[in-house]
PDB file of N, CA and C in Angstrom:
ATOM      1  N   UNK A   1       9.874  17.952 -20.463  1.00  0.00           N
ATOM      2  CA  UNK A   1       9.018  16.795 -20.323  1.00  0.00           C
ATOM      3  C   UNK A   1       8.636  16.632 -18.849  1.00  0.00           C
ATOM      4  N   UNK A   2       7.347  16.452 -18.568  1.00  0.00           N
ATOM      5  CA  UNK A   2       6.838  16.311 -17.224  1.00  0.00           C
ATOM      6  C   UNK A   2       6.696  14.830 -16.886  1.00  0.00           C
ATOM      7  N   UNK A   3       7.497  14.312 -15.954  1.00  0.00           N
ATOM      8  CA  UNK A   3       7.461  12.906 -15.567  1.00  0.00           C
ATOM      9  C   UNK A   3       6.720  12.780 -14.241  1.00  0.00           C
ATOM     10  N   UNK A   4       5.674  11.940 -14.222  1.00  0.00           N
ATOM     11  CA  UNK A   4       4.936  11.713 -12.984  1.00  0.00           C
ATOM     12  C   UNK A   4       5.730  10.802 -12.065  1.00  0.00           C
ATOM     13  N   UNK A   5       5.777  11.175 -10.789  1.00  0.00           N
ATOM     14  CA  UNK A   5       6.460  10.347  -9.811  1.00  0.00           C
ATOM     15  C   UNK A   5       5.461   9.863  -8.760  1.00  0.00           C
ATOM     16  N   UNK A   6       5.852   8.835  -8.043  1.00  0.00           N
ATOM     17  CA  UNK A   6       5.018   8.305  -6.983  1.00  0.00           C
ATOM     18  C   UNK A   6       5.869   7.545  -5.991  1.00  0.00           C
ATOM     19  N   UNK A   7       5.266   7.128  -4.882  1.00  0.00           N
ATOM     20  CA  UNK A   7       6.035   6.431  -3.867  1.00  0.00           C
ATOM     21  C   UNK A   7       6.344   4.984  -4.254  1.00  0.00           C
ATOM     22  N   UNK A   8       7.575   4.609  -4.016  1.00  0.00           N
ATOM     23  CA  UNK A   8       8.026   3.229  -4.113  1.00  0.00           C
ATOM     24  C   UNK A   8       8.633   2.909  -2.761  1.00  0.00           C
ATOM     25  N   UNK A   9       8.392   1.696  -2.258  1.00  0.00           N
ATOM     26  CA  UNK A   9       8.941   1.331  -0.953  1.00  0.00           C
ATOM     27  C   UNK A   9       9.909   0.173  -1.068  1.00  0.00           C
ATOM     28  N   UNK A  10      10.927   0.230  -0.235  1.00  0.00           N
ATOM     29  CA  UNK A  10      11.850  -0.885  -0.069  1.00  0.00           C
ATOM     30  C   UNK A  10      11.487  -1.518   1.264  1.00  0.00           C
ATOM     31  N   UNK A  11      11.013  -2.757   1.224  1.00  0.00           N
ATOM     32  CA  UNK A  11      10.611  -3.439   2.441  1.00  0.00           C
ATOM     33  C   UNK A  11      11.805  -3.986   3.213  1.00  0.00           C
ATOM     34  N   UNK A  12      12.970  -4.037   2.587  1.00  0.00           N
ATOM     35  CA  UNK A  12      14.197  -4.460   3.272  1.00  0.00           C
ATOM     36  C   UNK A  12      14.724  -3.319   4.134  1.00  0.00           C
ATOM     37  N   UNK A  13      14.784  -2.124   3.565  1.00  0.00           N
ATOM     38  CA  UNK A  13      15.329  -0.947   4.263  1.00  0.00           C
ATOM     39  C   UNK A  13      14.270  -0.169   5.050  1.00  0.00           C
ATOM     40  N   UNK A  14      12.990  -0.494   4.822  1.00  0.00           N
ATOM     41  CA  UNK A  14      11.884   0.246   5.440  1.00  0.00           C
ATOM     42  C   UNK A  14      11.982   1.724   5.090  1.00  0.00           C
ATOM     43  N   UNK A  15      12.043   1.979   3.780  1.00  0.00           N
ATOM     44  CA  UNK A  15      12.135   3.350   3.273  1.00  0.00           C
ATOM     45  C   UNK A  15      11.176   3.534   2.112  1.00  0.00           C
ATOM     46  N   UNK A  16      10.755   4.777   1.926  1.00  0.00           N
ATOM     47  CA  UNK A  16       9.908   5.149   0.811  1.00  0.00           C
ATOM     48  C   UNK A  16      10.671   6.157  -0.047  1.00  0.00           C
ATOM     49  N   UNK A  17      10.570   6.003  -1.372  1.00  0.00           N
ATOM     50  CA  UNK A  17      11.254   6.877  -2.318  1.00  0.00           C
ATOM     51  C   UNK A  17      10.253   7.364  -3.355  1.00  0.00           C
ATOM     52  N   UNK A  18      10.430   8.566  -3.859  1.00  0.00           N
ATOM     53  CA  UNK A  18       9.659   9.040  -5.015  1.00  0.00           C
ATOM     54  C   UNK A  18      10.455   8.650  -6.258  1.00  0.00           C
ATOM     55  N   UNK A  19       9.792   7.972  -7.178  1.00  0.00           N
ATOM     56  CA  UNK A  19      10.433   7.538  -8.415  1.00  0.00           C
ATOM     57  C   UNK A  19       9.470   7.761  -9.571  1.00  0.00           C
ATOM     58  N   UNK A  20       9.984   7.828 -10.800  1.00  0.00           N
ATOM     59  CA  UNK A  20       9.096   7.948 -11.956  1.00  0.00           C
ATOM     60  C   UNK A  20       8.121   6.775 -12.028  1.00  0.00           C
ATOM     61  N   UNK A  21       6.852   7.070 -12.290  1.00  0.00           N
ATOM     62  CA  UNK A  21       5.795   6.063 -12.318  1.00  0.00           C
ATOM     63  C   UNK A  21       5.998   4.997 -13.394  1.00  0.00           C
ATOM     64  N   UNK A  22       6.676   5.328 -14.472  1.00  0.00           N
ATOM     65  CA  UNK A  22       6.811   4.366 -15.562  1.00  0.00           C
ATOM     66  C   UNK A  22       7.779   3.232 -15.224  1.00  0.00           C
ATOM     67  N   UNK A  23       8.511   3.333 -14.141  1.00  0.00           N
ATOM     68  CA  UNK A  23       9.454   2.289 -13.754  1.00  0.00           C
ATOM     69  C   UNK A  23       8.730   1.147 -13.054  1.00  0.00           C
ATOM     70  N   UNK A  24       9.182  -0.068 -13.284  1.00  0.00           N
ATOM     71  CA  UNK A  24       8.621  -1.247 -12.636  1.00  0.00           C
ATOM     72  C   UNK A  24       9.594  -1.715 -11.571  1.00  0.00           C
ATOM     73  N   UNK A  25       9.325  -1.422 -10.321  1.00  0.00           N
ATOM     74  CA  UNK A  25      10.163  -1.867  -9.217  1.00  0.00           C
ATOM     75  C   UNK A  25      11.613  -1.462  -9.334  1.00  0.00           C
ATOM     76  N   UNK A  26      11.898  -0.160  -9.441  1.00  0.00           N
ATOM     77  CA  UNK A  26      13.297   0.257  -9.522  1.00  0.00           C
ATOM     78  C   UNK A  26      14.043  -0.196  -8.275  1.00  0.00           C
ATOM     79  N   UNK A  27      15.323  -0.406  -8.417  1.00  0.00           N
ATOM     80  CA  UNK A  27      16.133  -0.870  -7.294  1.00  0.00           C
ATOM     81  C   UNK A  27      16.232   0.203  -6.216  1.00  0.00           C
ATOM     82  N   UNK A  28      16.277  -0.245  -4.977  1.00  0.00           N
ATOM     83  CA  UNK A  28      16.478   0.651  -3.839  1.00  0.00           C
ATOM     84  C   UNK A  28      17.867   1.268  -3.953  1.00  0.00           C
ATOM     85  N   UNK A  29      17.948   2.551  -3.735  1.00  0.00           N
ATOM     86  CA  UNK A  29      19.235   3.231  -3.852  1.00  0.00           C
ATOM     87  C   UNK A  29      20.177   2.890  -2.698  1.00  0.00           C
ATOM     88  N   UNK A  30      19.649   2.275  -1.627  1.00  0.00           N
ATOM     89  CA  UNK A  30      20.503   1.891  -0.502  1.00  0.00           C
ATOM     90  C   UNK A  30      20.987   0.445  -0.595  1.00  0.00           C
ATOM     91  N   UNK A  31      20.036  -0.508  -0.791  1.00  0.00           N
ATOM     92  CA  UNK A  31      20.423  -1.933  -0.748  1.00  0.00           C
ATOM     93  C   UNK A  31      20.401  -2.620  -2.107  1.00  0.00           C
ATOM     94  N   UNK A  32      19.794  -1.990  -3.118  1.00  0.00           N
ATOM     95  CA  UNK A  32      19.755  -2.579  -4.455  1.00  0.00           C
ATOM     96  C   UNK A  32      18.604  -3.545  -4.686  1.00  0.00           C
ATOM     97  N   UNK A  33      17.812  -3.830  -3.667  1.00  0.00           N
ATOM     98  CA  UNK A  33      16.665  -4.727  -3.823  1.00  0.00           C
ATOM     99  C   UNK A  33      15.552  -4.023  -4.597  1.00  0.00           C
ATOM    100  N   UNK A  34      14.664  -4.785  -5.258  1.00  0.00           N
ATOM    101  CA  UNK A  34      13.542  -4.156  -5.966  1.00  0.00           C
ATOM    102  C   UNK A  34      12.609  -3.438  -5.001  1.00  0.00           C
ATOM    103  N   UNK A  35      11.989  -2.371  -5.472  1.00  0.00           N
ATOM    104  CA  UNK A  35      11.011  -1.637  -4.678  1.00  0.00           C
ATOM    105  C   UNK A  35       9.613  -1.927  -5.219  1.00  0.00           C
ATOM    106  N   UNK A  36       8.600  -1.535  -4.465  1.00  0.00           N
ATOM    107  CA  UNK A  36       7.209  -1.758  -4.842  1.00  0.00           C
ATOM    108  C   UNK A  36       6.520  -0.405  -4.978  1.00  0.00           C
ATOM    109  N   UNK A  37       5.865  -0.179  -6.110  1.00  0.00           N
ATOM    110  CA  UNK A  37       5.145   1.069  -6.331  1.00  0.00           C
ATOM    111  C   UNK A  37       3.797   1.070  -5.632  1.00  0.00           C
ATOM    112  N   UNK A  38       3.489   2.173  -4.969  1.00  0.00           N
ATOM    113  CA  UNK A  38       2.226   2.313  -4.249  1.00  0.00           C
ATOM    114  C   UNK A  38       1.497   3.568  -4.714  1.00  0.00           C
ATOM    115  N   UNK A  39       0.248   3.681  -4.316  1.00  0.00           N
ATOM    116  CA  UNK A  39      -0.560   4.842  -4.649  1.00  0.00           C
ATOM    117  C   UNK A  39       0.014   6.087  -3.990  1.00  0.00           C
ATOM    118  N   UNK A  40      -0.205   7.224  -4.620  1.00  0.00           N
ATOM    119  CA  UNK A  40       0.341   8.489  -4.098  1.00  0.00           C
ATOM    120  C   UNK A  40      -0.227   8.858  -2.732  1.00  0.00           C
ATOM    121  N   UNK A  41      -1.306   8.216  -2.303  1.00  0.00           N
ATOM    122  CA  UNK A  41      -1.889   8.482  -0.988  1.00  0.00           C
ATOM    123  C   UNK A  41      -1.118   7.793   0.143  1.00  0.00           C
ATOM    124  N   UNK A  42      -0.220   6.889  -0.201  1.00  0.00           N
ATOM    125  CA  UNK A  42       0.545   6.155   0.810  1.00  0.00           C
ATOM    126  C   UNK A  42       1.389   7.103   1.651  1.00  0.00           C
ATOM    127  N   UNK A  43       1.353   6.889   2.946  1.00  0.00           N
ATOM    128  CA  UNK A  43       2.206   7.634   3.869  1.00  0.00           C
ATOM    129  C   UNK A  43       3.029   6.614   4.638  1.00  0.00           C
ATOM    130  N   UNK A  44       4.325   6.633   4.445  1.00  0.00           N
ATOM    131  CA  UNK A  44       5.203   5.660   5.068  1.00  0.00           C
ATOM    132  C   UNK A  44       5.274   5.842   6.575  1.00  0.00           C
ATOM    133  N   UNK A  45       5.300   4.728   7.305  1.00  0.00           N
ATOM    134  CA  UNK A  45       5.536   4.850   8.740  1.00  0.00           C
ATOM    135  C   UNK A  45       6.981   5.278   8.974  1.00  0.00           C
ATOM    136  N   UNK A  46       7.296   5.769  10.160  1.00  0.00           N
ATOM    137  CA  UNK A  46       8.701   6.094  10.446  1.00  0.00           C
ATOM    138  C   UNK A  46       9.583   4.851  10.244  1.00  0.00           C
ATOM    139  N   UNK A  47      10.796   5.058   9.825  1.00  0.00           N
ATOM    140  CA  UNK A  47      11.704   3.957   9.500  1.00  0.00           C
ATOM    141  C   UNK A  47      11.892   2.985  10.668  1.00  0.00           C
ATOM    142  N   UNK A  48      11.885   3.488  11.873  1.00  0.00           N
ATOM    143  CA  UNK A  48      12.101   2.630  13.039  1.00  0.00           C
ATOM    144  C   UNK A  48      10.824   1.960  13.554  1.00  0.00           C
ATOM    145  N   UNK A  49       9.695   2.228  12.909  1.00  0.00           N
ATOM    146  CA  UNK A  49       8.411   1.629  13.301  1.00  0.00           C
ATOM    147  C   UNK A  49       8.294   0.245  12.659  1.00  0.00           C
ATOM    148  N   UNK A  50       8.894  -0.743  13.298  1.00  0.00           N
ATOM    149  CA  UNK A  50       8.936  -2.104  12.756  1.00  0.00           C
ATOM    150  C   UNK A  50       7.527  -2.655  12.559  1.00  0.00           C
ATOM    151  N   UNK A  51       6.659  -2.475  13.535  1.00  0.00           N
ATOM    152  CA  UNK A  51       5.284  -2.976  13.430  1.00  0.00           C
ATOM    153  C   UNK A  51       4.542  -2.316  12.272  1.00  0.00           C
ATOM    154  N   UNK A  52       4.755  -1.012  12.086  1.00  0.00           N
ATOM    155  CA  UNK A  52       4.116  -0.294  10.979  1.00  0.00           C
ATOM    156  C   UNK A  52       4.568  -0.833   9.627  1.00  0.00           C
ATOM    157  N   UNK A  53       5.850  -1.123   9.490  1.00  0.00           N
ATOM    158  CA  UNK A  53       6.373  -1.664   8.234  1.00  0.00           C
ATOM    159  C   UNK A  53       5.920  -3.107   8.013  1.00  0.00           C
ATOM    160  N   UNK A  54       5.690  -3.851   9.094  1.00  0.00           N
ATOM    161  CA  UNK A  54       5.141  -5.207   8.948  1.00  0.00           C
ATOM    162  C   UNK A  54       3.728  -5.140   8.379  1.00  0.00           C
ATOM    163  N   UNK A  55       2.950  -4.154   8.802  1.00  0.00           N
ATOM    164  CA  UNK A  55       1.600  -3.962   8.267  1.00  0.00           C
ATOM    165  C   UNK A  55       1.675  -3.613   6.778  1.00  0.00           C
ATOM    166  N   UNK A  56       2.577  -2.713   6.413  1.00  0.00           N
ATOM    167  CA  UNK A  56       2.750  -2.337   5.002  1.00  0.00           C
ATOM    168  C   UNK A  56       3.106  -3.569   4.169  1.00  0.00           C
ATOM    169  N   UNK A  57       4.063  -4.366   4.635  1.00  0.00           N
ATOM    170  CA  UNK A  57       4.491  -5.568   3.904  1.00  0.00           C
ATOM    171  C   UNK A  57       3.340  -6.572   3.782  1.00  0.00           C
ATOM    172  N   UNK A  58       2.584  -6.759   4.844  1.00  0.00           N
ATOM    173  CA  UNK A  58       1.444  -7.681   4.847  1.00  0.00           C
ATOM    174  C   UNK A  58       0.404  -7.258   3.817  1.00  0.00           C
ATOM    175  N   UNK A  59       0.073  -5.974   3.797  1.00  0.00           N
ATOM    176  CA  UNK A  59      -0.924  -5.484   2.845  1.00  0.00           C
ATOM    177  C   UNK A  59      -0.442  -5.620   1.404  1.00  0.00           C
ATOM    178  N   UNK A  60       0.813  -5.295   1.149  1.00  0.00           N
ATOM    179  CA  UNK A  60       1.367  -5.449  -0.195  1.00  0.00           C
ATOM    180  C   UNK A  60       1.338  -6.913  -0.613  1.00  0.00           C
ATOM    181  N   UNK A  61       1.744  -7.792   0.290  1.00  0.00           N
ATOM    182  CA  UNK A  61       1.759  -9.231   0.009  1.00  0.00           C
ATOM    183  C   UNK A  61       0.372  -9.746  -0.362  1.00  0.00           C
ATOM    184  N   UNK A  62      -0.653  -9.137   0.194  1.00  0.00           N
ATOM    185  CA  UNK A  62      -2.016  -9.572  -0.065  1.00  0.00           C
ATOM    186  C   UNK A  62      -2.713  -8.765  -1.160  1.00  0.00           C
ATOM    187  N   UNK A  63      -1.940  -7.962  -1.890  1.00  0.00           N
ATOM    188  CA  UNK A  63      -2.482  -7.318  -3.082  1.00  0.00           C
ATOM    189  C   UNK A  63      -3.037  -5.923  -2.894  1.00  0.00           C
ATOM    190  N   UNK A  64      -2.738  -5.290  -1.779  1.00  0.00           N
ATOM    191  CA  UNK A  64      -3.230  -3.938  -1.545  1.00  0.00           C
ATOM    192  C   UNK A  64      -2.092  -2.943  -1.706  1.00  0.00           C
ATOM    193  N   UNK A  65      -2.258  -1.997  -2.618  1.00  0.00           N
ATOM    194  CA  UNK A  65      -1.213  -1.026  -2.935  1.00  0.00           C
ATOM    195  C   UNK A  65      -1.600   0.394  -2.516  1.00  0.00           C
ATOM    196  N   UNK A  66      -2.460   0.484  -1.524  1.00  0.00           N
ATOM    197  CA  UNK A  66      -2.889   1.766  -0.956  1.00  0.00           C
ATOM    198  C   UNK A  66      -3.748   2.595  -1.907  1.00  0.00           C
ATOM    199  N   UNK A  67      -4.445   1.913  -2.821  1.00  0.00           N
ATOM    200  CA  UNK A  67      -5.454   2.582  -3.632  1.00  0.00           C
ATOM    201  C   UNK A  67      -6.699   2.759  -2.773  1.00  0.00           C
ATOM    202  N   UNK A  68      -7.590   3.634  -3.183  1.00  0.00           N
ATOM    203  CA  UNK A  68      -8.804   3.871  -2.418  1.00  0.00           C
ATOM    204  C   UNK A  68      -9.674   2.623  -2.372  1.00  0.00           C
ATOM    205  N   UNK A  69     -10.214   2.369  -1.202  1.00  0.00           N
ATOM    206  CA  UNK A  69     -11.177   1.285  -0.996  1.00  0.00           C
ATOM    207  C   UNK A  69     -12.508   1.963  -0.697  1.00  0.00           C
ATOM    208  N   UNK A  70     -13.546   1.546  -1.409  1.00  0.00           N
ATOM    209  CA  UNK A  70     -14.847   2.196  -1.263  1.00  0.00           C
ATOM    210  C   UNK A  70     -15.863   1.193  -0.770  1.00  0.00           C
ATOM    211  N   UNK A  71     -16.828   1.686   0.022  1.00  0.00           N
ATOM    212  CA  UNK A  71     -17.870   0.832   0.587  1.00  0.00           C
ATOM    213  C   UNK A  71     -19.183   1.598   0.616  1.00  0.00           C
ATOM    214  N   UNK A  72     -20.285   0.890   0.437  1.00  0.00           N
ATOM    215  CA  UNK A  72     -21.594   1.542   0.498  1.00  0.00           C
ATOM    216  C   UNK A  72     -21.856   2.053   1.913  1.00  0.00           C
ATOM    217  N   UNK A  73     -22.660   3.107   2.004  1.00  0.00           N
ATOM    218  CA  UNK A  73     -23.003   3.663   3.313  1.00  0.00           C
ATOM    219  C   UNK A  73     -23.985   2.747   4.032  1.00  0.00           C
ATOM    220  N   UNK A  74     -24.156   2.974   5.328  1.00  0.00           N
ATOM    221  CA  UNK A  74     -25.074   2.165   6.129  1.00  0.00           C
ATOM    222  C   UNK A  74     -26.518   2.313   5.674  1.00  0.00           C
ATOM    223  N   UNK A  75     -26.865   3.428   5.054  1.00  0.00           N
ATOM    224  CA  UNK A  75     -28.243   3.649   4.599  1.00  0.00           C
ATOM    225  C   UNK A  75     -28.577   2.830   3.369  1.00  0.00           C
ATOM    226  N   UNK A  76     -27.561   2.214   2.757  1.00  0.00           N
ATOM    227  CA  UNK A  76     -27.804   1.414   1.572  1.00  0.00           C
ATOM    228  C   UNK A  76     -27.864   2.222   0.300  1.00  0.00           C
ATOM    229  N   UNK A  77     -27.580   3.513   0.418  1.00  0.00           N
ATOM    230  CA  UNK A  77     -27.604   4.359  -0.770  1.00  0.00           C
ATOM    231  C   UNK A  77     -26.411   4.034  -1.658  1.00  0.00           C
ATOM    232  N   UNK A  78     -26.372   4.630  -2.812  1.00  0.00           N
ATOM    233  CA  UNK A  78     -25.282   4.400  -3.743  1.00  0.00           C
ATOM    234  C   UNK A  78     -24.104   5.335  -3.514  1.00  0.00           C
ATOM    235  N   UNK A  79     -24.196   6.172  -2.483  1.00  0.00           N
ATOM    236  CA  UNK A  79     -23.079   7.041  -2.151  1.00  0.00           C
ATOM    237  C   UNK A  79     -21.963   6.169  -1.574  1.00  0.00           C
ATOM    238  N   UNK A  80     -20.755   6.369  -2.048  1.00  0.00           N
ATOM    239  CA  UNK A  80     -19.618   5.582  -1.571  1.00  0.00           C
ATOM    240  C   UNK A  80     -18.705   6.457  -0.728  1.00  0.00           C
ATOM    241  N   UNK A  81     -18.097   5.867   0.285  1.00  0.00           N
ATOM    242  CA  UNK A  81     -17.208   6.620   1.175  1.00  0.00           C
ATOM    243  C   UNK A  81     -15.832   5.939   1.204  1.00  0.00           C
ATOM    244  N   UNK A  82     -14.751   6.714   1.257  1.00  0.00           N
ATOM    245  CA  UNK A  82     -13.414   6.102   1.264  1.00  0.00           C
ATOM    246  C   UNK A  82     -13.129   5.419   2.597  1.00  0.00           C
ATOM    247  N   UNK A  83     -12.404   4.326   2.549  1.00  0.00           N
ATOM    248  CA  UNK A  83     -12.007   3.591   3.742  1.00  0.00           C
ATOM    249  C   UNK A  83     -10.517   3.812   3.992  1.00  0.00           C
ATOM    250  N   UNK A  84     -10.161   4.046   5.238  1.00  0.00           N
ATOM    251  CA  UNK A  84      -8.763   4.264   5.616  1.00  0.00           C
ATOM    252  C   UNK A  84      -8.022   2.928   5.686  1.00  0.00           C
ATOM    253  N   UNK A  85      -6.751   2.953   5.390  1.00  0.00           N
ATOM    254  CA  UNK A  85      -5.928   1.751   5.497  1.00  0.00           C
ATOM    255  C   UNK A  85      -5.562   1.502   6.956  1.00  0.00           C
ATOM    256  N   UNK A  86      -5.432   0.227   7.346  1.00  0.00           N
ATOM    257  CA  UNK A  86      -5.142  -0.118   8.739  1.00  0.00           C
ATOM    258  C   UNK A  86      -3.731   0.265   9.171  1.00  0.00           C
ATOM    259  N   UNK A  87      -3.564   0.409  10.484  1.00  0.00           N
ATOM    260  CA  UNK A  87      -2.267   0.762  11.058  1.00  0.00           C
ATOM    261  C   UNK A  87      -1.715  -0.332  11.965  1.00  0.00           C
ATOM    262  N   UNK A  88      -2.567  -1.304  12.340  1.00  0.00           N
ATOM    263  CA  UNK A  88      -2.102  -2.405  13.177  1.00  0.00           C
ATOM    264  C   UNK A  88      -2.274  -3.714  12.413  1.00  0.00           C
ATOM    265  N   UNK A  89      -1.569  -4.759  12.842  1.00  0.00           N
ATOM    266  CA  UNK A  89      -1.663  -6.048  12.165  1.00  0.00           C
ATOM    267  C   UNK A  89      -3.051  -6.659  12.349  1.00  0.00           C
ATOM    268  N   UNK A  90      -3.654  -6.476  13.505  1.00  0.00           N
ATOM    269  CA  UNK A  90      -5.011  -7.004  13.717  1.00  0.00           C
ATOM    270  C   UNK A  90      -5.987  -6.339  12.743  1.00  0.00           C
ATOM    271  N   UNK A  91      -5.883  -5.027  12.602  1.00  0.00           N
ATOM    272  CA  UNK A  91      -6.741  -4.309  11.650  1.00  0.00           C
ATOM    273  C   UNK A  91      -6.438  -4.756  10.226  1.00  0.00           C
ATOM    274  N   UNK A  92      -5.165  -4.995   9.919  1.00  0.00           N
ATOM    275  CA  UNK A  92      -4.757  -5.395   8.563  1.00  0.00           C
ATOM    276  C   UNK A  92      -5.338  -6.760   8.199  1.00  0.00           C
ATOM    277  N   UNK A  93      -5.314  -7.702   9.123  1.00  0.00           N
ATOM    278  CA  UNK A  93      -5.880  -9.037   8.852  1.00  0.00           C
ATOM    279  C   UNK A  93      -7.372  -8.929   8.543  1.00  0.00           C
ATOM    280  N   UNK A  94      -8.082  -8.151   9.338  1.00  0.00           N
ATOM    281  CA  UNK A  94      -9.514  -7.950   9.118  1.00  0.00           C
ATOM    282  C   UNK A  94      -9.770  -7.234   7.790  1.00  0.00           C
ATOM    283  N   UNK A  95      -8.962  -6.245   7.479  1.00  0.00           N
ATOM    284  CA  UNK A  95      -9.067  -5.467   6.250  1.00  0.00           C
ATOM    285  C   UNK A  95      -8.900  -6.362   5.021  1.00  0.00           C
ATOM    286  N   UNK A  96      -7.899  -7.243   5.048  1.00  0.00           N
ATOM    287  CA  UNK A  96      -7.625  -8.138   3.921  1.00  0.00           C
ATOM    288  C   UNK A  96      -8.803  -9.073   3.668  1.00  0.00           C
ATOM    289  N   UNK A  97      -9.400  -9.591   4.732  1.00  0.00           N
ATOM    290  CA  UNK A  97     -10.551 -10.486   4.578  1.00  0.00           C
ATOM    291  C   UNK A  97     -11.760  -9.706   4.059  1.00  0.00           C
ATOM    292  N   UNK A  98     -12.018  -8.560   4.674  1.00  0.00           N
ATOM    293  CA  UNK A  98     -13.205  -7.783   4.315  1.00  0.00           C
ATOM    294  C   UNK A  98     -13.155  -7.229   2.890  1.00  0.00           C
ATOM    295  N   UNK A  99     -11.975  -6.788   2.452  1.00  0.00           N
ATOM    296  CA  UNK A  99     -11.862  -6.117   1.154  1.00  0.00           C
ATOM    297  C   UNK A  99     -11.097  -6.936   0.107  1.00  0.00           C
ATOM    298  N   UNK A 100     -11.096  -8.248   0.254  1.00  0.00           N
ATOM    299  CA  UNK A 100     -10.331  -9.087  -0.681  1.00  0.00           C
ATOM    300  C   UNK A 100     -10.718  -8.858  -2.142  1.00  0.00           C
ATOM    301  N   UNK A 101     -11.938  -8.479  -2.404  1.00  0.00           N
ATOM    302  CA  UNK A 101     -12.384  -8.233  -3.787  1.00  0.00           C
ATOM    303  C   UNK A 101     -11.767  -6.961  -4.360  1.00  0.00           C
ATOM    304  N   UNK A 102     -11.174  -6.123  -3.515  1.00  0.00           N
ATOM    305  CA  UNK A 102     -10.595  -4.854  -3.957  1.00  0.00           C
ATOM    306  C   UNK A 102      -9.094  -4.927  -4.178  1.00  0.00           C
ATOM    307  N   UNK A 103      -8.522  -6.125  -4.104  1.00  0.00           N
ATOM    308  CA  UNK A 103      -7.075  -6.256  -4.296  1.00  0.00           C
ATOM    309  C   UNK A 103      -6.682  -5.767  -5.685  1.00  0.00           C
ATOM    310  N   UNK A 104      -5.525  -5.160  -5.765  1.00  0.00           N
ATOM    311  CA  UNK A 104      -5.018  -4.671  -7.049  1.00  0.00           C
ATOM    312  C   UNK A 104      -4.327  -5.807  -7.801  1.00  0.00           C
ATOM    313  N   UNK A 105      -3.616  -6.630  -7.067  1.00  0.00           N
ATOM    314  CA  UNK A 105      -2.947  -7.787  -7.653  1.00  0.00           C
ATOM    315  C   UNK A 105      -3.316  -9.001  -6.817  1.00  0.00           C
ATOM    316  N   UNK A 106      -3.200 -10.168  -7.406  1.00  0.00           N
ATOM    317  CA  UNK A 106      -3.508 -11.388  -6.658  1.00  0.00           C
ATOM    318  C   UNK A 106      -2.500 -11.597  -5.544  1.00  0.00           C
ATOM    319  N   UNK A 107      -2.972 -12.094  -4.450  1.00  0.00           N
ATOM    320  CA  UNK A 107      -2.119 -12.397  -3.321  1.00  0.00           C
ATOM    321  C   UNK A 107      -2.789 -13.471  -2.481  1.00  0.00           C
ATOM    322  N   UNK A 108      -2.073 -14.089  -1.567  1.00  0.00           N
ATOM    323  CA  UNK A 108      -2.654 -15.158  -0.747  1.00  0.00           C
ATOM    324  C   UNK A 108      -3.697 -14.613   0.211  1.00  0.00           C
ATOM    325  N   UNK A 109      -4.595 -15.468   0.606  1.00  0.00           N
ATOM    326  CA  UNK A 109      -5.575 -15.104   1.644  1.00  0.00           C
ATOM    327  C   UNK A 109      -5.567 -16.107   2.754  1.00  0.00           C
TER     328      UNK A 109
END
């Protein structure tokens, strides 16, 4: 049987784990707290990068799970281009406001 896995993060331990996709917030193997499932495109910041993990937590809290965000091109054509996720808190605040319609789950604004 082929089980699909994906990244789950523990925001307490600042760690990312690969877990079966069918699980809903499996417990962290280190602290036992629930984890959050993210898109397979997610790349975790280094564990000691406190600011990077604050950005990850902020985006998750506001409903962004690292799925692709698409925007029309400047020419106004129907071609869509992928948008990169922010790496700083200032970029994250702007990102949340600009792409609030693309949230995966409801979150505060």
